[in-house]
Every structure is written in structure tokens, then in C-alpha cells.
Amino acid sequence: MVRLIFFSYICMKETLKSEIMEEYIPKPIDLSDVSLTDDLIELREAIAENAHEIWAENRRLEGWTYGPVRDDKKKQTPDMVPYKDLSDGEKEYDRATAMRSIKLLKKLGYDVVKVQETELYKEMIERIRNNKEQYHCSNCGGFIFKHQVFCEHCGHKLDKTDWEG
């Protein structure tokens, strides 16, 4: 009898949990009114690269290795590579997370200010600026990346001429 009651309780709890999960609708804060300056876009790229490094280190500690396709049983993923070698889609995920985090800081009233140029900063910015995937908007000259549809600085709709140099 006690087992039956306990089993019924567990089933009811799982049903309620399932119903709650189905009802969840994410509501991220609207950040469309926040723009980033070029130095913060460089920061975004540095944060995105480091986020990938943290993710990869955690996966490595869990026993994951590189594999040409994702295989959860073998713990293999094609994303166990340096950030520069990730697909554009994977880089976009890291960049979007970093960008939204920086924009949220600004929207909450924080000011992100670099107070000194450390050796690490110089090294990361050099790597970012030498990245062949980085381009400039033909309208305003702001930094843009191939995944973007609109320039974050001026709103210009990007086209093939923006990727030509």
C-alpha cells in the first residue's frame, strides 16, 4: 500500500513537472535598443572564444573527445576544436550569448570600461583583429561578422559587398 501511494505520488509529480515544462515560455529581456561600440564588439568576440574554451574544458573533464559527428554514447563531438576552427553556426551561438550578456550589463546600467591594456588583452585583440572572418560595414565602417544580417552599429542591411573586404 505504501509503495502504491509513493508510486502514485511520483507519477503525479512527474505529470505536474511535465505540464509545467510544457507551459514554460522564455521571456528574455528585450535588448534591441542597446548598441555596442567597436571595443565592446571586440570584447564580445573575446568572451565568445573564452566561453567555447570553458565549454570544451568541461566536456574534456567529462570524458568527451573530438569526433566527426556528435555521438553521445561515445562522448564525441565535432566541436572539440579550437574556437577558430568552429563552424560559423557554433561561433554564432557563442557570439550571441556574449553579445546579449554585454548588452544586458549596459541595459542594467553598468558601464563596461577597459582600464588598462593587459598582455592578455593585447594577445586576444591581435588574434581577433587578424581573424579573416571579420569585416567592416560598407555603410558605417563598424565591425561585422559573416553571420550578421544587419550591422549592429547603423542598422544597414548587409549584402555581398560587405563581405568583399
C-alpha atoms as a PDB file:
ATOM      1  CA  MET A   1       0.000   0.000   0.000  1.00  0.00           C
ATOM      2  CA  VAL A   2       2.777   2.442   0.918  1.00  0.00           C
ATOM      3  CA  ARG A   3       4.601   1.585  -2.316  1.00  0.00           C
ATOM      4  CA  LEU A   4       1.442   2.225  -4.322  1.00  0.00           C
ATOM      5  CA  ILE A   5       0.907   5.617  -2.664  1.00  0.00           C
ATOM      6  CA  PHE A   6       4.582   6.527  -3.201  1.00  0.00           C
ATOM      7  CA  PHE A   7       4.419   5.390  -6.846  1.00  0.00           C
ATOM      8  CA  SER A   8       1.229   7.425  -7.356  1.00  0.00           C
ATOM      9  CA  TYR A   9       2.923  10.460  -5.798  1.00  0.00           C
ATOM     10  CA  ILE A  10       5.977  10.090  -8.091  1.00  0.00           C
ATOM     11  CA  CYS A  11       3.746   9.717 -11.172  1.00  0.00           C
ATOM     12  CA  MET A  12       1.691  12.760 -10.166  1.00  0.00           C
ATOM     13  CA  LYS A  13       4.867  14.782  -9.531  1.00  0.00           C
ATOM     14  CA  GLU A  14       6.283  13.827 -12.949  1.00  0.00           C
ATOM     15  CA  THR A  15       2.980  14.701 -14.629  1.00  0.00           C
ATOM     16  CA  LEU A  16       2.895  18.115 -12.926  1.00  0.00           C
ATOM     17  CA  LYS A  17       6.565  18.690 -13.788  1.00  0.00           C
ATOM     18  CA  SER A  18       5.824  17.780 -17.411  1.00  0.00           C
ATOM     19  CA  GLU A  19       2.853  20.144 -17.511  1.00  0.00           C
ATOM     20  CA  ILE A  20       4.912  22.969 -16.028  1.00  0.00           C
ATOM     21  CA  MET A  21       7.725  22.390 -18.522  1.00  0.00           C
ATOM     22  CA  GLU A  22       5.292  22.476 -21.439  1.00  0.00           C
ATOM     23  CA  GLU A  23       3.886  25.802 -20.238  1.00  0.00           C
ATOM     24  CA  TYR A  24       7.296  27.493 -19.872  1.00  0.00           C
ATOM     25  CA  ILE A  25       7.789  30.272 -22.410  1.00  0.00           C
ATOM     26  CA  PRO A  26      11.188  32.003 -22.208  1.00  0.00           C
ATOM     27  CA  LYS A  27      10.996  35.789 -21.901  1.00  0.00           C
ATOM     28  CA  PRO A  28      14.478  37.236 -22.336  1.00  0.00           C
ATOM     29  CA  ILE A  29      14.865  40.953 -21.743  1.00  0.00           C
ATOM     30  CA  ASP A  30      14.471  42.982 -24.957  1.00  0.00           C
ATOM     31  CA  LEU A  31      17.923  44.299 -25.801  1.00  0.00           C
ATOM     32  CA  SER A  32      17.132  45.659 -29.259  1.00  0.00           C
ATOM     33  CA  ASP A  33      17.597  49.244 -28.066  1.00  0.00           C
ATOM     34  CA  VAL A  34      21.176  48.625 -26.854  1.00  0.00           C
ATOM     35  CA  SER A  35      24.048  49.119 -29.288  1.00  0.00           C
ATOM     36  CA  LEU A  36      27.675  48.191 -28.790  1.00  0.00           C
ATOM     37  CA  THR A  37      30.736  50.244 -29.644  1.00  0.00           C
ATOM     38  CA  ASP A  38      33.598  48.653 -31.596  1.00  0.00           C
ATOM     39  CA  ASP A  39      35.620  47.995 -28.444  1.00  0.00           C
ATOM     40  CA  LEU A  40      32.679  46.116 -26.922  1.00  0.00           C
ATOM     41  CA  ILE A  41      32.244  44.099 -30.108  1.00  0.00           C
ATOM     42  CA  GLU A  42      35.894  43.073 -29.753  1.00  0.00           C
ATOM     43  CA  LEU A  43      35.130  42.185 -26.132  1.00  0.00           C
ATOM     44  CA  ARG A  44      32.181  40.129 -27.373  1.00  0.00           C
ATOM     45  CA  GLU A  45      34.492  38.077 -29.559  1.00  0.00           C
ATOM     46  CA  ALA A  46      36.938  37.559 -26.681  1.00  0.00           C
ATOM     47  CA  ILE A  47      34.089  36.424 -24.400  1.00  0.00           C
ATOM     48  CA  ALA A  48      32.725  34.113 -27.107  1.00  0.00           C
ATOM     49  CA  GLU A  49      36.130  32.500 -27.603  1.00  0.00           C
ATOM     50  CA  ASN A  50      36.616  32.050 -23.865  1.00  0.00           C
ATOM     51  CA  ALA A  51      33.088  30.648 -23.453  1.00  0.00           C
ATOM     52  CA  HIS A  52      33.977  27.968 -26.017  1.00  0.00           C
ATOM     53  CA  GLU A  53      37.221  27.217 -24.163  1.00  0.00           C
ATOM     54  CA  ILE A  54      35.285  26.808 -20.890  1.00  0.00           C
ATOM     55  CA  TRP A  55      32.717  24.584 -22.578  1.00  0.00           C
ATOM     56  CA  ALA A  56      35.430  22.433 -24.198  1.00  0.00           C
ATOM     57  CA  GLU A  57      37.377  22.110 -20.943  1.00  0.00           C
ATOM     58  CA  ASN A  58      34.242  20.984 -19.103  1.00  0.00           C
ATOM     59  CA  ARG A  59      33.468  18.435 -21.819  1.00  0.00           C
ATOM     60  CA  ARG A  60      37.050  17.159 -21.745  1.00  0.00           C
ATOM     61  CA  LEU A  61      36.798  16.654 -17.980  1.00  0.00           C
ATOM     62  CA  GLU A  62      33.580  14.684 -18.578  1.00  0.00           C
ATOM     63  CA  GLY A  63      35.436  12.389 -20.995  1.00  0.00           C
ATOM     64  CA  TRP A  64      34.371  13.947 -24.314  1.00  0.00           C
ATOM     65  CA  THR A  65      36.742  13.922 -27.286  1.00  0.00           C
ATOM     66  CA  TYR A  66      36.723  15.035 -30.901  1.00  0.00           C
ATOM     67  CA  GLY A  67      34.664  13.001 -33.357  1.00  0.00           C
ATOM     68  CA  PRO A  68      33.492  13.849 -36.888  1.00  0.00           C
ATOM     69  CA  VAL A  69      29.836  13.609 -35.768  1.00  0.00           C
ATOM     70  CA  ARG A  70      28.207  14.006 -32.383  1.00  0.00           C
ATOM     71  CA  ASP A  71      27.871  10.678 -30.603  1.00  0.00           C
ATOM     72  CA  ASP A  72      26.581  10.903 -27.034  1.00  0.00           C
ATOM     73  CA  LYS A  73      27.345   7.250 -26.278  1.00  0.00           C
ATOM     74  CA  LYS A  74      30.985   7.581 -27.352  1.00  0.00           C
ATOM     75  CA  LYS A  75      31.149  11.120 -25.936  1.00  0.00           C
ATOM     76  CA  GLN A  76      32.423  12.536 -29.208  1.00  0.00           C
ATOM     77  CA  THR A  77      31.630  15.876 -30.813  1.00  0.00           C
ATOM     78  CA  PRO A  78      32.978  17.790 -33.817  1.00  0.00           C
ATOM     79  CA  ASP A  79      33.053  20.918 -31.627  1.00  0.00           C
ATOM     80  CA  MET A  80      36.075  19.782 -29.592  1.00  0.00           C
ATOM     81  CA  VAL A  81      38.317  22.041 -31.676  1.00  0.00           C
ATOM     82  CA  PRO A  82      39.851  25.491 -31.162  1.00  0.00           C
ATOM     83  CA  TYR A  83      37.344  28.342 -31.475  1.00  0.00           C
ATOM     84  CA  LYS A  84      38.863  29.498 -34.779  1.00  0.00           C
ATOM     85  CA  ASP A  85      38.053  26.088 -36.288  1.00  0.00           C
ATOM     86  CA  LEU A  86      34.390  26.007 -35.233  1.00  0.00           C
ATOM     87  CA  SER A  87      31.637  26.202 -37.827  1.00  0.00           C
ATOM     88  CA  ASP A  88      30.050  29.625 -38.361  1.00  0.00           C
ATOM     89  CA  GLY A  89      26.884  28.348 -36.658  1.00  0.00           C
ATOM     90  CA  GLU A  90      28.716  27.327 -33.499  1.00  0.00           C
ATOM     91  CA  LYS A  91      30.629  30.614 -33.384  1.00  0.00           C
ATOM     92  CA  GLU A  92      27.342  32.476 -33.789  1.00  0.00           C
ATOM     93  CA  TYR A  93      25.904  30.706 -30.733  1.00  0.00           C
ATOM     94  CA  ASP A  94      28.880  31.796 -28.589  1.00  0.00           C
ATOM     95  CA  ARG A  95      28.877  35.323 -30.050  1.00  0.00           C
ATOM     96  CA  ALA A  96      25.146  35.778 -29.489  1.00  0.00           C
ATOM     97  CA  THR A  97      25.457  34.673 -25.862  1.00  0.00           C
ATOM     98  CA  ALA A  98      28.377  37.030 -25.284  1.00  0.00           C
ATOM     99  CA  MET A  99      26.664  39.931 -27.067  1.00  0.00           C
ATOM    100  CA  ARG A 100      23.446  39.506 -25.109  1.00  0.00           C
ATOM    101  CA  SER A 101      25.393  39.378 -21.857  1.00  0.00           C
ATOM    102  CA  ILE A 102      27.246  42.617 -22.622  1.00  0.00           C
ATOM    103  CA  LYS A 103      24.034  44.317 -23.786  1.00  0.00           C
ATOM    104  CA  LEU A 104      22.248  43.195 -20.624  1.00  0.00           C
ATOM    105  CA  LEU A 105      25.015  44.716 -18.498  1.00  0.00           C
ATOM    106  CA  LYS A 106      24.562  48.021 -20.338  1.00  0.00           C
ATOM    107  CA  LYS A 107      20.765  47.903 -20.088  1.00  0.00           C
ATOM    108  CA  LEU A 108      21.018  47.259 -16.339  1.00  0.00           C
ATOM    109  CA  GLY A 109      23.063  50.455 -16.010  1.00  0.00           C
ATOM    110  CA  TYR A 110      26.566  49.025 -15.859  1.00  0.00           C
ATOM    111  CA  ASP A 111      29.361  50.601 -17.825  1.00  0.00           C
ATOM    112  CA  VAL A 112      31.955  48.237 -19.238  1.00  0.00           C
ATOM    113  CA  VAL A 113      35.227  50.149 -19.312  1.00  0.00           C
ATOM    114  CA  LYS A 114      38.699  48.807 -20.034  1.00  0.00           C
ATOM    115  CA  VAL A 115      41.052  50.491 -17.574  1.00  0.00           C
ATOM    116  CA  GLN A 116      44.323  49.104 -18.910  1.00  0.00           C
ATOM    117  CA  GLU A 117      45.726  47.122 -21.805  1.00  0.00           C
ATOM    118  CA  THR A 118      46.985  43.881 -20.311  1.00  0.00           C
ATOM    119  CA  GLU A 119      49.176  41.422 -22.200  1.00  0.00           C
ATOM    120  CA  LEU A 120      46.220  39.032 -22.410  1.00  0.00           C
ATOM    121  CA  TYR A 121      44.075  41.819 -23.886  1.00  0.00           C
ATOM    122  CA  LYS A 122      46.727  42.632 -26.481  1.00  0.00           C
ATOM    123  CA  GLU A 123      47.081  38.963 -27.428  1.00  0.00           C
ATOM    124  CA  MET A 124      43.322  38.372 -27.771  1.00  0.00           C
ATOM    125  CA  ILE A 125      42.645  41.595 -29.669  1.00  0.00           C
ATOM    126  CA  GLU A 126      45.523  40.858 -32.043  1.00  0.00           C
ATOM    127  CA  ARG A 127      44.025  37.424 -32.737  1.00  0.00           C
ATOM    128  CA  ILE A 128      40.538  38.909 -33.218  1.00  0.00           C
ATOM    129  CA  ARG A 129      41.731  41.708 -35.495  1.00  0.00           C
ATOM    130  CA  ASN A 130      43.713  39.267 -37.610  1.00  0.00           C
ATOM    131  CA  ASN A 131      40.708  36.974 -37.939  1.00  0.00           C
ATOM    132  CA  LYS A 132      39.909  36.672 -41.625  1.00  0.00           C
ATOM    133  CA  GLU A 133      36.192  36.351 -40.816  1.00  0.00           C
ATOM    134  CA  GLN A 134      35.979  39.920 -39.559  1.00  0.00           C
ATOM    135  CA  TYR A 135      34.759  42.606 -41.925  1.00  0.00           C
ATOM    136  CA  HIS A 136      33.603  46.213 -41.825  1.00  0.00           C
ATOM    137  CA  CYS A 137      30.165  47.560 -42.684  1.00  0.00           C
ATOM    138  CA  SER A 138      30.227  49.369 -46.044  1.00  0.00           C
ATOM    139  CA  ASN A 139      27.842  51.986 -44.620  1.00  0.00           C
ATOM    140  CA  CYS A 140      29.451  52.972 -41.285  1.00  0.00           C
ATOM    141  CA  GLY A 141      32.748  51.052 -41.107  1.00  0.00           C
ATOM    142  CA  GLY A 142      31.792  49.224 -37.897  1.00  0.00           C
ATOM    143  CA  PHE A 143      32.990  45.667 -37.216  1.00  0.00           C
ATOM    144  CA  ILE A 144      30.702  42.975 -38.609  1.00  0.00           C
ATOM    145  CA  PHE A 145      30.843  39.192 -38.893  1.00  0.00           C
ATOM    146  CA  LYS A 146      29.594  36.940 -41.687  1.00  0.00           C
ATOM    147  CA  HIS A 147      26.652  35.606 -39.692  1.00  0.00           C
ATOM    148  CA  GLN A 148      25.082  39.058 -39.357  1.00  0.00           C
ATOM    149  CA  VAL A 149      22.150  40.228 -41.463  1.00  0.00           C
ATOM    150  CA  PHE A 150      22.170  43.827 -40.210  1.00  0.00           C
ATOM    151  CA  CYS A 151      25.014  45.990 -38.920  1.00  0.00           C
ATOM    152  CA  GLU A 152      24.641  46.415 -35.161  1.00  0.00           C
ATOM    153  CA  HIS A 153      26.011  49.955 -35.367  1.00  0.00           C
ATOM    154  CA  CYS A 154      23.907  51.586 -38.054  1.00  0.00           C
ATOM    155  CA  GLY A 155      21.211  49.049 -38.958  1.00  0.00           C
ATOM    156  CA  HIS A 156      22.431  48.760 -42.567  1.00  0.00           C
ATOM    157  CA  LYS A 157      21.192  45.558 -44.261  1.00  0.00           C
ATOM    158  CA  LEU A 158      24.369  43.707 -45.123  1.00  0.00           C
ATOM    159  CA  ASP A 159      24.928  42.176 -48.554  1.00  0.00           C
ATOM    160  CA  LYS A 160      27.741  40.530 -50.508  1.00  0.00           C
ATOM    161  CA  THR A 161      29.589  43.814 -50.959  1.00  0.00           C
ATOM    162  CA  ASP A 162      30.131  43.958 -47.180  1.00  0.00           C
ATOM    163  CA  TRP A 163      31.994  40.613 -47.272  1.00  0.00           C
ATOM    164  CA  GLU A 164      34.342  41.549 -50.101  1.00  0.00           C
ATOM    165  CA  GLY A 165      36.922  43.230 -47.991  1.00  0.00           C
END
